[in-house]
Amino acid sequence: MAIKKYKDISFKIPVESDNYQECSNFVVNAVENILQRAVDEERNKIIINTNLKLGIPMENVNKIADPFIEAWAYEVFTDVLEDKDNEYQLINIEAGERLNMADIILQFKRKRKHLSFVTGNVDVKATSKDIKNSGKSPNITSFARIRSAYVKDPDFLFVILSIKHKVYSRRDLETKR
C-alpha cells in the first residue's frame, strides 16, 4: 500500500455565504440577549423538590441539571416567540430530536441571499459553579459532529450554550427532608 503525501490528499473546503459571519453574530447575540433578559428579570430559577434526606451528590448534579436547564432555555425562547412585541425576530422554535446534535433549533427572520430566515442550532450544556473546572474541557465528540455538519452545509450555524448553575439546598421544616 502506497503512503499518500498530505499535499496529494483532496479535501472538501467549505465556502460560506458572504453574510455568514453577520448571520452568525446575529444568532449568537440574539441568544445571549434573550437569556440575559431572563436572568435580569430573575426568571432563571428552577425549583426541584425531593424527599431525599441527604440530597444529591454534587459530582452527579450536572447529569440531573442538564435536562432541567435545557427545558428552561426552551421555555425562555418560547416566551419570546409568543410575545407579540418579539423584538428578536424569532419566528420558530423546535426541540431537537433525541440524539440530535442540537437540543433547540431556532429560526430568526433575517434577509439572506436565498432565504428570508436564519437557523441556529443550539446545544445546551449545564456547567456547575460548585464544581471546579466544570465546563472547561472541550467535547471532542460534539466538535466532530459539528465539523461534519459544517462541511456538508458551510452555512450551518451551531451555538454551544453553556449555562452555569448553582445548587441551593434547604430542608423542609415540616417534613425534615
Protein backbone atom coordinates (compact mmCIF):
# COMPACT_ATOMS: atom_id res chain seq x y z
CA MET A 1 0.00 0.00 0.00
CA ALA A 2 1.40 3.36 -1.04
CA ILE A 3 1.55 6.14 1.51
CA LYS A 4 -0.07 9.36 0.29
CA LYS A 5 1.54 12.67 0.94
CA TYR A 6 -0.52 15.34 2.64
CA LYS A 7 -0.31 17.62 -0.41
CA ASP A 8 -1.78 14.85 -2.57
CA ILE A 9 -4.91 14.44 -0.44
CA SER A 10 -8.05 16.16 -1.68
CA PHE A 11 -10.08 17.96 1.00
CA LYS A 12 -13.56 19.43 0.75
CA ILE A 13 -13.20 23.06 1.73
CA PRO A 14 -16.47 24.64 2.88
CA VAL A 15 -17.30 28.02 1.36
CA GLU A 16 -19.64 30.11 3.48
CA SER A 17 -22.12 32.65 2.15
CA ASP A 18 -20.92 36.24 2.03
CA ASN A 19 -23.02 37.14 5.07
CA TYR A 20 -22.30 34.02 7.14
CA GLN A 21 -20.35 35.91 9.81
CA GLU A 22 -23.05 38.57 10.03
CA CYS A 23 -25.77 35.90 10.41
CA SER A 24 -23.68 34.00 12.95
CA ASN A 25 -23.17 37.14 15.03
CA PHE A 26 -26.89 37.93 14.77
CA VAL A 27 -27.89 34.49 16.11
CA VAL A 28 -25.29 34.45 18.90
CA ASN A 29 -26.23 37.98 20.02
CA ALA A 30 -29.95 37.18 19.94
CA VAL A 31 -29.44 34.02 22.05
CA GLU A 32 -27.25 35.91 24.54
CA ASN A 33 -29.66 38.85 24.80
CA ILE A 34 -32.75 36.66 25.19
CA LEU A 35 -31.20 34.65 28.01
CA GLN A 36 -29.60 37.68 29.68
CA ARG A 37 -33.01 39.37 29.80
CA ALA A 38 -34.45 36.28 31.53
CA VAL A 39 -31.62 36.41 34.09
CA ASP A 40 -32.00 40.18 34.59
CA GLU A 41 -35.74 39.70 35.16
CA GLU A 42 -34.96 36.88 37.64
CA ARG A 43 -36.74 34.26 35.53
CA ASN A 44 -33.81 31.88 35.90
CA LYS A 45 -34.63 29.87 38.99
CA ILE A 46 -35.58 26.21 38.73
CA ILE A 47 -37.03 24.69 41.89
CA ILE A 48 -36.77 20.94 42.35
CA ASN A 49 -38.18 19.33 45.48
CA THR A 50 -37.07 15.86 46.54
CA ASN A 51 -37.69 13.72 49.58
CA LEU A 52 -34.01 12.83 49.94
CA LYS A 53 -32.60 13.49 53.40
CA LEU A 54 -29.02 13.71 52.20
CA GLY A 55 -29.67 15.50 48.92
CA ILE A 56 -27.94 14.74 45.63
CA PRO A 57 -24.19 14.02 45.33
CA MET A 58 -22.55 17.12 43.87
CA GLU A 59 -20.49 15.11 41.36
CA ASN A 60 -23.77 13.95 39.75
CA VAL A 61 -25.57 17.28 39.76
CA ASN A 62 -24.81 18.07 36.08
CA LYS A 63 -26.45 14.82 34.99
CA ILE A 64 -29.62 15.99 36.71
CA ALA A 65 -29.30 19.69 35.91
CA ASP A 66 -28.80 19.32 32.16
CA PRO A 67 -32.37 18.37 31.15
CA PHE A 68 -33.84 20.97 33.53
CA ILE A 69 -31.66 23.75 32.14
CA GLU A 70 -32.43 22.64 28.59
CA ALA A 71 -36.18 22.78 29.37
CA TRP A 72 -35.74 26.21 31.00
CA ALA A 73 -33.92 27.57 27.92
CA TYR A 74 -36.64 26.16 25.65
CA GLU A 75 -39.30 27.91 27.77
CA VAL A 76 -37.42 31.21 27.64
CA PHE A 77 -37.21 31.05 23.84
CA THR A 78 -40.89 30.03 23.65
CA ASP A 79 -41.84 33.06 25.75
CA VAL A 80 -40.08 35.29 23.21
CA LEU A 81 -41.81 33.56 20.29
CA GLU A 82 -45.22 34.05 21.93
CA ASP A 83 -44.54 37.71 22.79
CA LYS A 84 -46.48 39.92 20.36
CA ASP A 85 -43.69 42.52 20.69
CA ASN A 86 -40.97 39.95 19.86
CA GLU A 87 -38.02 42.28 19.30
CA TYR A 88 -35.61 39.44 18.50
CA GLN A 89 -37.35 38.42 15.25
CA LEU A 90 -37.64 34.82 16.48
CA ILE A 91 -40.12 33.11 14.15
CA ASN A 92 -39.85 29.41 15.03
CA ILE A 93 -38.53 27.13 17.74
CA GLU A 94 -38.23 23.36 17.77
CA ALA A 95 -36.88 20.86 20.24
CA GLY A 96 -34.10 18.78 18.73
CA GLU A 97 -34.90 15.11 18.34
CA ARG A 98 -33.31 12.61 20.68
CA LEU A 99 -29.61 12.14 19.85
CA ASN A 100 -29.69 15.17 17.54
CA MET A 101 -26.64 17.37 17.99
CA ALA A 102 -28.91 20.36 18.69
CA ASP A 103 -31.22 20.48 21.70
CA ILE A 104 -33.06 23.53 20.40
CA ILE A 105 -33.43 24.79 16.83
CA LEU A 106 -34.22 28.49 16.46
CA GLN A 107 -35.24 30.35 13.32
CA PHE A 108 -34.97 34.11 13.10
CA LYS A 109 -36.41 36.41 10.45
CA ARG A 110 -33.42 37.65 8.53
CA LYS A 111 -32.89 38.63 4.92
CA ARG A 112 -30.28 36.47 3.20
CA LYS A 113 -29.37 35.94 -0.42
CA HIS A 114 -31.68 32.97 -0.97
CA LEU A 115 -33.69 32.80 2.27
CA SER A 116 -35.74 35.07 4.50
CA PHE A 117 -34.61 33.43 7.74
CA VAL A 118 -31.52 32.14 9.53
CA THR A 119 -31.45 28.94 11.59
CA GLY A 120 -29.39 28.50 14.73
CA ASN A 121 -28.80 25.02 16.15
CA VAL A 122 -28.31 25.26 19.92
CA ASP A 123 -26.69 22.64 22.15
CA VAL A 124 -27.47 23.37 25.81
CA LYS A 125 -24.81 22.40 28.37
CA ALA A 126 -25.18 22.68 32.14
CA THR A 127 -21.99 23.64 33.95
CA SER A 128 -21.76 23.88 37.70
CA LYS A 129 -20.41 26.84 39.63
CA ASP A 130 -19.92 24.39 42.51
CA ILE A 131 -17.55 22.00 40.68
CA LYS A 132 -14.05 23.21 39.86
CA ASN A 133 -13.29 23.07 36.10
CA SER A 134 -16.91 22.25 35.21
CA GLY A 135 -17.48 23.08 31.55
CA LYS A 136 -13.79 23.73 30.89
CA SER A 137 -12.85 20.69 28.80
CA PRO A 138 -13.94 20.51 25.17
CA ASN A 139 -16.39 17.91 24.00
CA ILE A 140 -14.48 16.27 21.13
CA THR A 141 -17.46 14.17 20.05
CA SER A 142 -19.58 17.30 19.62
CA PHE A 143 -16.78 19.00 17.71
CA ALA A 144 -16.50 16.11 15.23
CA ARG A 145 -20.26 16.14 14.61
CA ILE A 146 -20.36 19.93 14.24
CA ARG A 147 -17.42 19.86 11.83
CA SER A 148 -19.12 17.18 9.69
CA ALA A 149 -22.35 19.20 9.55
CA TYR A 150 -20.38 22.33 8.61
CA VAL A 151 -18.57 20.51 5.80
CA LYS A 152 -21.96 19.37 4.42
CA ASP A 153 -23.51 22.84 4.82
CA PRO A 154 -20.99 25.69 5.14
CA ASP A 155 -23.79 28.00 6.37
CA PHE A 156 -24.58 25.69 9.30
CA LEU A 157 -24.85 27.77 12.49
CA PHE A 158 -24.22 25.94 15.74
CA VAL A 159 -24.21 27.54 19.18
CA ILE A 160 -22.94 25.76 22.28
CA LEU A 161 -24.91 27.34 25.09
CA SER A 162 -23.09 26.66 28.35
CA ILE A 163 -25.21 27.79 31.28
CA LYS A 164 -23.63 27.96 34.72
CA HIS A 165 -25.82 26.87 37.59
CA LYS A 166 -25.52 26.77 41.35
CA VAL A 167 -27.23 24.33 43.66
CA TYR A 168 -29.03 25.78 46.66
CA SER A 169 -30.34 23.33 49.20
CA ARG A 170 -32.51 23.62 52.27
CA ARG A 171 -34.58 21.29 54.38
CA ASP A 172 -38.35 21.41 54.51
CA LEU A 173 -39.17 22.35 58.11
CA GLU A 174 -42.40 20.30 58.09
CA THR A 175 -41.07 17.03 56.67
CA LYS A 176 -37.48 17.43 57.95
CA ARG A 177 -36.27 16.41 54.49
